[in-house]
């Protein structure tokens, strides 16, 4: 746990966005905690006792911006604890945090396949549907259920905040393309219940956060999908 004095220096040096926050522990600083967790996962730094030290073998990587970015991209799929941060200190892990390794590849593969920027509320609805399928929520009170749903929405926002900070994703607040509304009007083809389709349709009538992969993110996701044995052909490869 980084000492408060060191944390204040790092906030300024790394531009973590935690300026002005009151804290007793560096773990309460979301930006700094994410950057340090990310660097540890990418094997740029390591722990030794109570100190953080540079990894000597990573020194050549620091001189290769493209390779360093690729390492950071892969590490982003394993920093769920820092991305899906709790609202208060003793809050248990959220459903998205517990399934982070499943949720992140899924939502990024979804926007990879879309021609238009995808509305975040629609992605969050799909993630919530996955949470309902994976967790036993039958005996959860409506009050707790509302809190869980809000936490899921917030975690999805934080996931895209992290990938946008990396430069893998871009986002804008605007009106969603009509293609994301078409299936919501027909209960026979909508992937969601009638009530949720109606609520989502109403939500998409106003500007929302739209997300898309950057060219760098598109290339990295394609390489990742190919490594997993998935179809991700380029136009030229379809010529035959």
C-alpha atoms as a PDB file:
ATOM      1  CA  UNK A   1       0.000   0.000   0.000  1.00  0.00           C
ATOM      2  CA  UNK A   2       1.738   3.148  -1.233  1.00  0.00           C
ATOM      3  CA  UNK A   3       2.528   5.684   1.491  1.00  0.00           C
ATOM      4  CA  UNK A   4       0.357   8.841   1.378  1.00  0.00           C
ATOM      5  CA  UNK A   5       3.320  11.129   0.679  1.00  0.00           C
ATOM      6  CA  UNK A   6       4.476   8.932  -2.223  1.00  0.00           C
ATOM      7  CA  UNK A   7       0.900   8.672  -3.461  1.00  0.00           C
ATOM      8  CA  UNK A   8       0.602  12.472  -3.679  1.00  0.00           C
ATOM      9  CA  UNK A   9       3.805  12.629  -5.731  1.00  0.00           C
ATOM     10  CA  UNK A  10       2.628   9.838  -8.039  1.00  0.00           C
ATOM     11  CA  UNK A  11      -0.749  11.511  -8.603  1.00  0.00           C
ATOM     12  CA  UNK A  12       1.041  14.524 -10.043  1.00  0.00           C
ATOM     13  CA  UNK A  13       3.730  12.572 -11.930  1.00  0.00           C
ATOM     14  CA  UNK A  14       1.329  10.105 -13.543  1.00  0.00           C
ATOM     15  CA  UNK A  15      -1.669  12.410 -14.002  1.00  0.00           C
ATOM     16  CA  UNK A  16      -4.058   9.873 -12.465  1.00  0.00           C
ATOM     17  CA  UNK A  17      -6.919  12.340 -11.984  1.00  0.00           C
ATOM     18  CA  UNK A  18      -6.980  11.888  -8.210  1.00  0.00           C
ATOM     19  CA  UNK A  19      -5.962  15.461  -7.449  1.00  0.00           C
ATOM     20  CA  UNK A  20      -7.916  16.994  -4.568  1.00  0.00           C
ATOM     21  CA  UNK A  21      -9.280  13.690  -3.228  1.00  0.00           C
ATOM     22  CA  UNK A  22      -9.091  13.147   0.521  1.00  0.00           C
ATOM     23  CA  UNK A  23      -7.739   9.721   1.427  1.00  0.00           C
ATOM     24  CA  UNK A  24      -6.322   7.727   4.300  1.00  0.00           C
ATOM     25  CA  UNK A  25      -4.980   4.920   2.110  1.00  0.00           C
ATOM     26  CA  UNK A  26      -3.658   4.923  -1.442  1.00  0.00           C
ATOM     27  CA  UNK A  27      -6.122   2.094  -2.144  1.00  0.00           C
ATOM     28  CA  UNK A  28      -8.862   4.764  -1.929  1.00  0.00           C
ATOM     29  CA  UNK A  29      -7.429   6.571  -4.967  1.00  0.00           C
ATOM     30  CA  UNK A  30      -9.119   4.989  -7.999  1.00  0.00           C
ATOM     31  CA  UNK A  31      -6.834   6.442 -10.667  1.00  0.00           C
ATOM     32  CA  UNK A  32      -3.565   5.655  -8.916  1.00  0.00           C
ATOM     33  CA  UNK A  33      -4.752   2.223  -7.823  1.00  0.00           C
ATOM     34  CA  UNK A  34      -5.643   1.385 -11.425  1.00  0.00           C
ATOM     35  CA  UNK A  35      -2.330   2.558 -12.884  1.00  0.00           C
ATOM     36  CA  UNK A  36      -0.268   0.668 -10.284  1.00  0.00           C
ATOM     37  CA  UNK A  37      -2.383  -2.496 -10.648  1.00  0.00           C
ATOM     38  CA  UNK A  38      -2.081  -2.213 -14.426  1.00  0.00           C
ATOM     39  CA  UNK A  39       1.710  -1.811 -14.297  1.00  0.00           C
ATOM     40  CA  UNK A  40       2.014  -4.811 -11.951  1.00  0.00           C
ATOM     41  CA  UNK A  41      -0.165  -6.958 -14.210  1.00  0.00           C
ATOM     42  CA  UNK A  42       1.850  -5.867 -17.273  1.00  0.00           C
ATOM     43  CA  UNK A  43       5.038  -6.846 -15.397  1.00  0.00           C
ATOM     44  CA  UNK A  44       6.517  -3.353 -15.715  1.00  0.00           C
ATOM     45  CA  UNK A  45       6.972  -3.102 -11.961  1.00  0.00           C
ATOM     46  CA  UNK A  46       7.093  -5.666  -9.158  1.00  0.00           C
ATOM     47  CA  UNK A  47       6.627  -5.799  -5.421  1.00  0.00           C
ATOM     48  CA  UNK A  48       9.560  -6.432  -3.098  1.00  0.00           C
ATOM     49  CA  UNK A  49       8.533  -6.270   0.517  1.00  0.00           C
ATOM     50  CA  UNK A  50       6.954  -2.848   0.966  1.00  0.00           C
ATOM     51  CA  UNK A  51       8.543  -1.375  -2.164  1.00  0.00           C
ATOM     52  CA  UNK A  52       7.641  -1.169  -5.840  1.00  0.00           C
ATOM     53  CA  UNK A  53      10.610  -1.740  -8.147  1.00  0.00           C
ATOM     54  CA  UNK A  54      11.047  -1.674 -11.937  1.00  0.00           C
ATOM     55  CA  UNK A  55      11.304  -5.052 -13.650  1.00  0.00           C
ATOM     56  CA  UNK A  56      14.734  -5.154 -15.282  1.00  0.00           C
ATOM     57  CA  UNK A  57      13.613  -7.445 -18.116  1.00  0.00           C
ATOM     58  CA  UNK A  58      10.922  -4.923 -19.079  1.00  0.00           C
ATOM     59  CA  UNK A  59      13.422  -2.152 -19.811  1.00  0.00           C
ATOM     60  CA  UNK A  60      13.619  -2.892 -23.590  1.00  0.00           C
ATOM     61  CA  UNK A  61       9.825  -2.901 -23.689  1.00  0.00           C
ATOM     62  CA  UNK A  62       9.740   0.676 -22.378  1.00  0.00           C
ATOM     63  CA  UNK A  63      11.640   1.797 -25.476  1.00  0.00           C
ATOM     64  CA  UNK A  64       9.099   0.163 -27.822  1.00  0.00           C
ATOM     65  CA  UNK A  65       5.821   2.093 -27.573  1.00  0.00           C
ATOM     66  CA  UNK A  66       3.881  -0.350 -29.737  1.00  0.00           C
ATOM     67  CA  UNK A  67       4.982  -3.431 -27.799  1.00  0.00           C
ATOM     68  CA  UNK A  68       4.380  -1.659 -24.492  1.00  0.00           C
ATOM     69  CA  UNK A  69       0.859  -0.721 -25.597  1.00  0.00           C
ATOM     70  CA  UNK A  70       0.126  -4.312 -26.623  1.00  0.00           C
ATOM     71  CA  UNK A  71       1.333  -5.555 -23.218  1.00  0.00           C
ATOM     72  CA  UNK A  72      -0.883  -2.987 -21.492  1.00  0.00           C
ATOM     73  CA  UNK A  73      -3.860  -4.025 -23.646  1.00  0.00           C
ATOM     74  CA  UNK A  74      -3.521  -7.671 -22.667  1.00  0.00           C
ATOM     75  CA  UNK A  75      -3.027  -6.737 -19.010  1.00  0.00           C
ATOM     76  CA  UNK A  76      -6.283  -4.733 -19.101  1.00  0.00           C
ATOM     77  CA  UNK A  77      -8.209  -8.022 -19.285  1.00  0.00           C
ATOM     78  CA  UNK A  78      -6.948  -9.002 -15.821  1.00  0.00           C
ATOM     79  CA  UNK A  79      -7.286  -5.862 -13.666  1.00  0.00           C
ATOM     80  CA  UNK A  80     -10.927  -6.259 -12.692  1.00  0.00           C
ATOM     81  CA  UNK A  81     -10.309  -5.531  -9.015  1.00  0.00           C
ATOM     82  CA  UNK A  82      -8.974  -2.064  -9.867  1.00  0.00           C
ATOM     83  CA  UNK A  83     -11.430  -1.268 -12.682  1.00  0.00           C
ATOM     84  CA  UNK A  84     -14.616  -2.434 -10.928  1.00  0.00           C
ATOM     85  CA  UNK A  85     -13.753  -0.637  -7.730  1.00  0.00           C
ATOM     86  CA  UNK A  86     -16.095  -0.768  -4.712  1.00  0.00           C
ATOM     87  CA  UNK A  87     -18.196   2.203  -3.676  1.00  0.00           C
ATOM     88  CA  UNK A  88     -17.107   1.836  -0.051  1.00  0.00           C
ATOM     89  CA  UNK A  89     -14.191   0.042   1.613  1.00  0.00           C
ATOM     90  CA  UNK A  90     -15.944  -3.120   2.840  1.00  0.00           C
ATOM     91  CA  UNK A  91     -18.266  -3.618  -0.130  1.00  0.00           C
ATOM     92  CA  UNK A  92     -18.115  -7.210  -1.440  1.00  0.00           C
ATOM     93  CA  UNK A  93     -16.921  -7.847  -5.013  1.00  0.00           C
ATOM     94  CA  UNK A  94     -19.540  -6.903  -7.589  1.00  0.00           C
ATOM     95  CA  UNK A  95     -20.949  -9.460 -10.050  1.00  0.00           C
ATOM     96  CA  UNK A  96     -19.058  -7.805 -12.914  1.00  0.00           C
ATOM     97  CA  UNK A  97     -15.812  -7.852 -10.936  1.00  0.00           C
ATOM     98  CA  UNK A  98     -16.264 -11.573 -10.291  1.00  0.00           C
ATOM     99  CA  UNK A  99     -16.902 -12.279 -13.989  1.00  0.00           C
ATOM    100  CA  UNK A 100     -14.593  -9.588 -15.391  1.00  0.00           C
ATOM    101  CA  UNK A 101     -12.595 -12.097 -17.458  1.00  0.00           C
ATOM    102  CA  UNK A 102     -15.821 -13.080 -19.244  1.00  0.00           C
ATOM    103  CA  UNK A 103     -17.525  -9.688 -19.483  1.00  0.00           C
ATOM    104  CA  UNK A 104     -14.657  -7.658 -20.966  1.00  0.00           C
ATOM    105  CA  UNK A 105     -13.863  -9.906 -23.970  1.00  0.00           C
ATOM    106  CA  UNK A 106     -17.605 -10.196 -24.627  1.00  0.00           C
ATOM    107  CA  UNK A 107     -18.387  -6.463 -24.720  1.00  0.00           C
ATOM    108  CA  UNK A 108     -15.271  -5.655 -26.769  1.00  0.00           C
ATOM    109  CA  UNK A 109     -16.065  -8.415 -29.266  1.00  0.00           C
ATOM    110  CA  UNK A 110     -19.577  -6.980 -29.519  1.00  0.00           C
ATOM    111  CA  UNK A 111     -18.439  -3.485 -30.480  1.00  0.00           C
ATOM    112  CA  UNK A 112     -15.776  -5.011 -32.790  1.00  0.00           C
ATOM    113  CA  UNK A 113     -18.569  -6.485 -34.896  1.00  0.00           C
ATOM    114  CA  UNK A 114     -20.650  -3.296 -35.166  1.00  0.00           C
ATOM    115  CA  UNK A 115     -20.449  -0.776 -37.989  1.00  0.00           C
ATOM    116  CA  UNK A 116     -21.791   2.053 -35.801  1.00  0.00           C
ATOM    117  CA  UNK A 117     -20.780   3.181 -32.282  1.00  0.00           C
ATOM    118  CA  UNK A 118     -22.696   1.097 -29.737  1.00  0.00           C
ATOM    119  CA  UNK A 119     -24.864   2.705 -27.016  1.00  0.00           C
ATOM    120  CA  UNK A 120     -23.460   1.855 -23.608  1.00  0.00           C
ATOM    121  CA  UNK A 121     -26.907   1.321 -22.004  1.00  0.00           C
ATOM    122  CA  UNK A 122     -27.563  -1.504 -24.451  1.00  0.00           C
ATOM    123  CA  UNK A 123     -24.251  -3.172 -23.577  1.00  0.00           C
ATOM    124  CA  UNK A 124     -24.997  -2.746 -19.868  1.00  0.00           C
ATOM    125  CA  UNK A 125     -28.386  -4.406 -20.378  1.00  0.00           C
ATOM    126  CA  UNK A 126     -26.694  -7.433 -21.943  1.00  0.00           C
ATOM    127  CA  UNK A 127     -24.155  -7.593 -19.107  1.00  0.00           C
ATOM    128  CA  UNK A 128     -26.979  -7.470 -16.552  1.00  0.00           C
ATOM    129  CA  UNK A 129     -28.717 -10.297 -18.401  1.00  0.00           C
ATOM    130  CA  UNK A 130     -25.522 -12.329 -18.032  1.00  0.00           C
ATOM    131  CA  UNK A 131     -25.368 -11.542 -14.314  1.00  0.00           C
ATOM    132  CA  UNK A 132     -28.933 -12.809 -13.865  1.00  0.00           C
ATOM    133  CA  UNK A 133     -27.986 -16.030 -15.654  1.00  0.00           C
ATOM    134  CA  UNK A 134     -24.807 -16.660 -13.642  1.00  0.00           C
ATOM    135  CA  UNK A 135     -25.896 -15.635 -10.125  1.00  0.00           C
ATOM    136  CA  UNK A 136     -28.746 -16.871  -7.955  1.00  0.00           C
ATOM    137  CA  UNK A 137     -30.809 -13.720  -7.440  1.00  0.00           C
ATOM    138  CA  UNK A 138     -34.192 -15.367  -6.828  1.00  0.00           C
ATOM    139  CA  UNK A 139     -34.276 -14.489  -3.130  1.00  0.00           C
ATOM    140  CA  UNK A 140     -32.702 -11.030  -3.382  1.00  0.00           C
ATOM    141  CA  UNK A 141     -34.905  -8.130  -2.271  1.00  0.00           C
ATOM    142  CA  UNK A 142     -35.965  -5.510  -4.807  1.00  0.00           C
ATOM    143  CA  UNK A 143     -33.899  -2.902  -2.925  1.00  0.00           C
ATOM    144  CA  UNK A 144     -30.706  -4.983  -3.184  1.00  0.00           C
ATOM    145  CA  UNK A 145     -31.528  -5.850  -6.793  1.00  0.00           C
ATOM    146  CA  UNK A 146     -31.705  -2.143  -7.675  1.00  0.00           C
ATOM    147  CA  UNK A 147     -28.334  -1.621  -6.022  1.00  0.00           C
ATOM    148  CA  UNK A 148     -26.791  -4.530  -7.923  1.00  0.00           C
ATOM    149  CA  UNK A 149     -28.143  -3.223 -11.215  1.00  0.00           C
ATOM    150  CA  UNK A 150     -26.740   0.248 -10.539  1.00  0.00           C
ATOM    151  CA  UNK A 151     -23.374  -1.318  -9.675  1.00  0.00           C
ATOM    152  CA  UNK A 152     -23.360  -3.282 -12.941  1.00  0.00           C
ATOM    153  CA  UNK A 153     -24.075  -0.118 -14.947  1.00  0.00           C
ATOM    154  CA  UNK A 154     -21.293   1.709 -13.113  1.00  0.00           C
ATOM    155  CA  UNK A 155     -18.814  -1.135 -13.630  1.00  0.00           C
ATOM    156  CA  UNK A 156     -19.513  -1.215 -17.372  1.00  0.00           C
ATOM    157  CA  UNK A 157     -18.852   2.548 -17.478  1.00  0.00           C
ATOM    158  CA  UNK A 158     -15.553   2.017 -15.639  1.00  0.00           C
ATOM    159  CA  UNK A 159     -14.500  -0.763 -18.033  1.00  0.00           C
ATOM    160  CA  UNK A 160     -14.866   1.566 -20.993  1.00  0.00           C
ATOM    161  CA  UNK A 161     -13.218   4.423 -19.078  1.00  0.00           C
ATOM    162  CA  UNK A 162     -10.134   2.224 -18.660  1.00  0.00           C
ATOM    163  CA  UNK A 163      -9.979   1.094 -22.288  1.00  0.00           C
ATOM    164  CA  UNK A 164     -10.601   4.646 -23.457  1.00  0.00           C
ATOM    165  CA  UNK A 165      -7.709   5.885 -21.283  1.00  0.00           C
ATOM    166  CA  UNK A 166      -5.548   3.252 -22.966  1.00  0.00           C
ATOM    167  CA  UNK A 167      -6.590   4.430 -26.419  1.00  0.00           C
ATOM    168  CA  UNK A 168      -8.315   1.174 -27.396  1.00  0.00           C
ATOM    169  CA  UNK A 169     -11.787   2.694 -27.280  1.00  0.00           C
ATOM    170  CA  UNK A 170     -13.296   6.041 -28.191  1.00  0.00           C
ATOM    171  CA  UNK A 171     -16.612   7.383 -26.926  1.00  0.00           C
ATOM    172  CA  UNK A 172     -18.962  10.298 -27.532  1.00  0.00           C
ATOM    173  CA  UNK A 173     -22.288  11.390 -26.110  1.00  0.00           C
ATOM    174  CA  UNK A 174     -24.789  11.455 -28.969  1.00  0.00           C
ATOM    175  CA  UNK A 175     -27.916   9.857 -30.377  1.00  0.00           C
ATOM    176  CA  UNK A 176     -27.686   6.115 -31.040  1.00  0.00           C
ATOM    177  CA  UNK A 177     -28.066   4.853 -34.577  1.00  0.00           C
ATOM    178  CA  UNK A 178     -31.550   3.575 -35.407  1.00  0.00           C
ATOM    179  CA  UNK A 179     -30.232   0.028 -35.882  1.00  0.00           C
ATOM    180  CA  UNK A 180     -29.994  -0.303 -32.103  1.00  0.00           C
ATOM    181  CA  UNK A 181     -33.710   0.401 -31.713  1.00  0.00           C
ATOM    182  CA  UNK A 182     -35.158  -1.790 -34.459  1.00  0.00           C
ATOM    183  CA  UNK A 183     -35.327  -5.118 -32.618  1.00  0.00           C
ATOM    184  CA  UNK A 184     -36.555  -3.473 -29.398  1.00  0.00           C
ATOM    185  CA  UNK A 185     -39.959  -2.780 -30.927  1.00  0.00           C
ATOM    186  CA  UNK A 186     -40.727  -6.442 -31.667  1.00  0.00           C
ATOM    187  CA  UNK A 187     -40.989  -8.780 -28.629  1.00  0.00           C
ATOM    188  CA  UNK A 188     -40.503 -11.762 -30.931  1.00  0.00           C
ATOM    189  CA  UNK A 189     -36.938 -10.786 -31.844  1.00  0.00           C
ATOM    190  CA  UNK A 190     -35.845  -8.562 -28.945  1.00  0.00           C
ATOM    191  CA  UNK A 191     -33.121 -10.156 -26.785  1.00  0.00           C
ATOM    192  CA  UNK A 192     -34.678  -8.499 -23.726  1.00  0.00           C
ATOM    193  CA  UNK A 193     -38.009  -8.730 -21.923  1.00  0.00           C
ATOM    194  CA  UNK A 194     -40.875  -6.495 -23.014  1.00  0.00           C
ATOM    195  CA  UNK A 195     -40.432  -4.199 -19.973  1.00  0.00           C
ATOM    196  CA  UNK A 196     -36.683  -3.824 -20.474  1.00  0.00           C
ATOM    197  CA  UNK A 197     -37.039  -3.323 -24.208  1.00  0.00           C
ATOM    198  CA  UNK A 198     -39.515  -0.513 -23.549  1.00  0.00           C
ATOM    199  CA  UNK A 199     -37.246   1.102 -20.933  1.00  0.00           C
ATOM    200  CA  UNK A 200     -34.201   0.814 -23.193  1.00  0.00           C
ATOM    201  CA  UNK A 201     -36.084   2.222 -26.169  1.00  0.00           C
ATOM    202  CA  UNK A 202     -37.126   5.196 -24.042  1.00  0.00           C
ATOM    203  CA  UNK A 203     -33.534   5.683 -22.852  1.00  0.00           C
ATOM    204  CA  UNK A 204     -32.152   5.638 -26.397  1.00  0.00           C
ATOM    205  CA  UNK A 205     -34.444   8.469 -27.470  1.00  0.00           C
ATOM    206  CA  UNK A 206     -31.980  10.821 -25.738  1.00  0.00           C
ATOM    207  CA  UNK A 207     -28.206  11.240 -26.249  1.00  0.00           C
ATOM    208  CA  UNK A 208     -26.221   8.488 -24.522  1.00  0.00           C
ATOM    209  CA  UNK A 209     -22.586   7.413 -24.375  1.00  0.00           C
ATOM    210  CA  UNK A 210     -21.650   5.647 -27.619  1.00  0.00           C
ATOM    211  CA  UNK A 211     -18.511   3.482 -27.721  1.00  0.00           C
ATOM    212  CA  UNK A 212     -16.389   2.139 -30.569  1.00  0.00           C
ATOM    213  CA  UNK A 213     -12.941   0.615 -30.973  1.00  0.00           C
ATOM    214  CA  UNK A 214     -10.134   2.835 -32.224  1.00  0.00           C
ATOM    215  CA  UNK A 215      -8.018   1.526 -35.138  1.00  0.00           C
ATOM    216  CA  UNK A 216      -5.436   0.411 -32.559  1.00  0.00           C
ATOM    217  CA  UNK A 217      -8.113  -1.314 -30.489  1.00  0.00           C
ATOM    218  CA  UNK A 218      -9.607  -2.961 -33.571  1.00  0.00           C
ATOM    219  CA  UNK A 219      -6.247  -4.441 -34.553  1.00  0.00           C
ATOM    220  CA  UNK A 220      -5.556  -5.676 -31.016  1.00  0.00           C
ATOM    221  CA  UNK A 221      -9.003  -7.260 -30.692  1.00  0.00           C
ATOM    222  CA  UNK A 222      -8.639  -8.962 -34.074  1.00  0.00           C
ATOM    223  CA  UNK A 223      -5.308 -10.470 -33.036  1.00  0.00           C
ATOM    224  CA  UNK A 224      -6.807 -11.602 -29.751  1.00  0.00           C
ATOM    225  CA  UNK A 225      -9.824 -13.179 -31.463  1.00  0.00           C
ATOM    226  CA  UNK A 226      -7.630 -14.972 -34.015  1.00  0.00           C
ATOM    227  CA  UNK A 227      -5.482 -16.339 -31.186  1.00  0.00           C
ATOM    228  CA  UNK A 228      -8.664 -17.754 -29.641  1.00  0.00           C
ATOM    229  CA  UNK A 229      -9.528 -19.480 -32.930  1.00  0.00           C
ATOM    230  CA  UNK A 230     -12.396 -17.131 -33.796  1.00  0.00           C
ATOM    231  CA  UNK A 231     -13.314 -15.820 -37.254  1.00  0.00           C
ATOM    232  CA  UNK A 232     -11.994 -12.286 -37.859  1.00  0.00           C
ATOM    233  CA  UNK A 233     -11.103 -12.104 -41.537  1.00  0.00           C
ATOM    234  CA  UNK A 234      -9.954  -8.945 -43.317  1.00  0.00           C
ATOM    235  CA  UNK A 235     -11.691  -7.825 -46.507  1.00  0.00           C
ATOM    236  CA  UNK A 236      -8.760  -8.878 -48.678  1.00  0.00           C
ATOM    237  CA  UNK A 237      -8.791 -12.376 -47.185  1.00  0.00           C
ATOM    238  CA  UNK A 238     -12.378 -12.822 -48.383  1.00  0.00           C
ATOM    239  CA  UNK A 239     -11.516 -12.124 -52.030  1.00  0.00           C
ATOM    240  CA  UNK A 240     -11.322 -15.825 -52.928  1.00  0.00           C
END
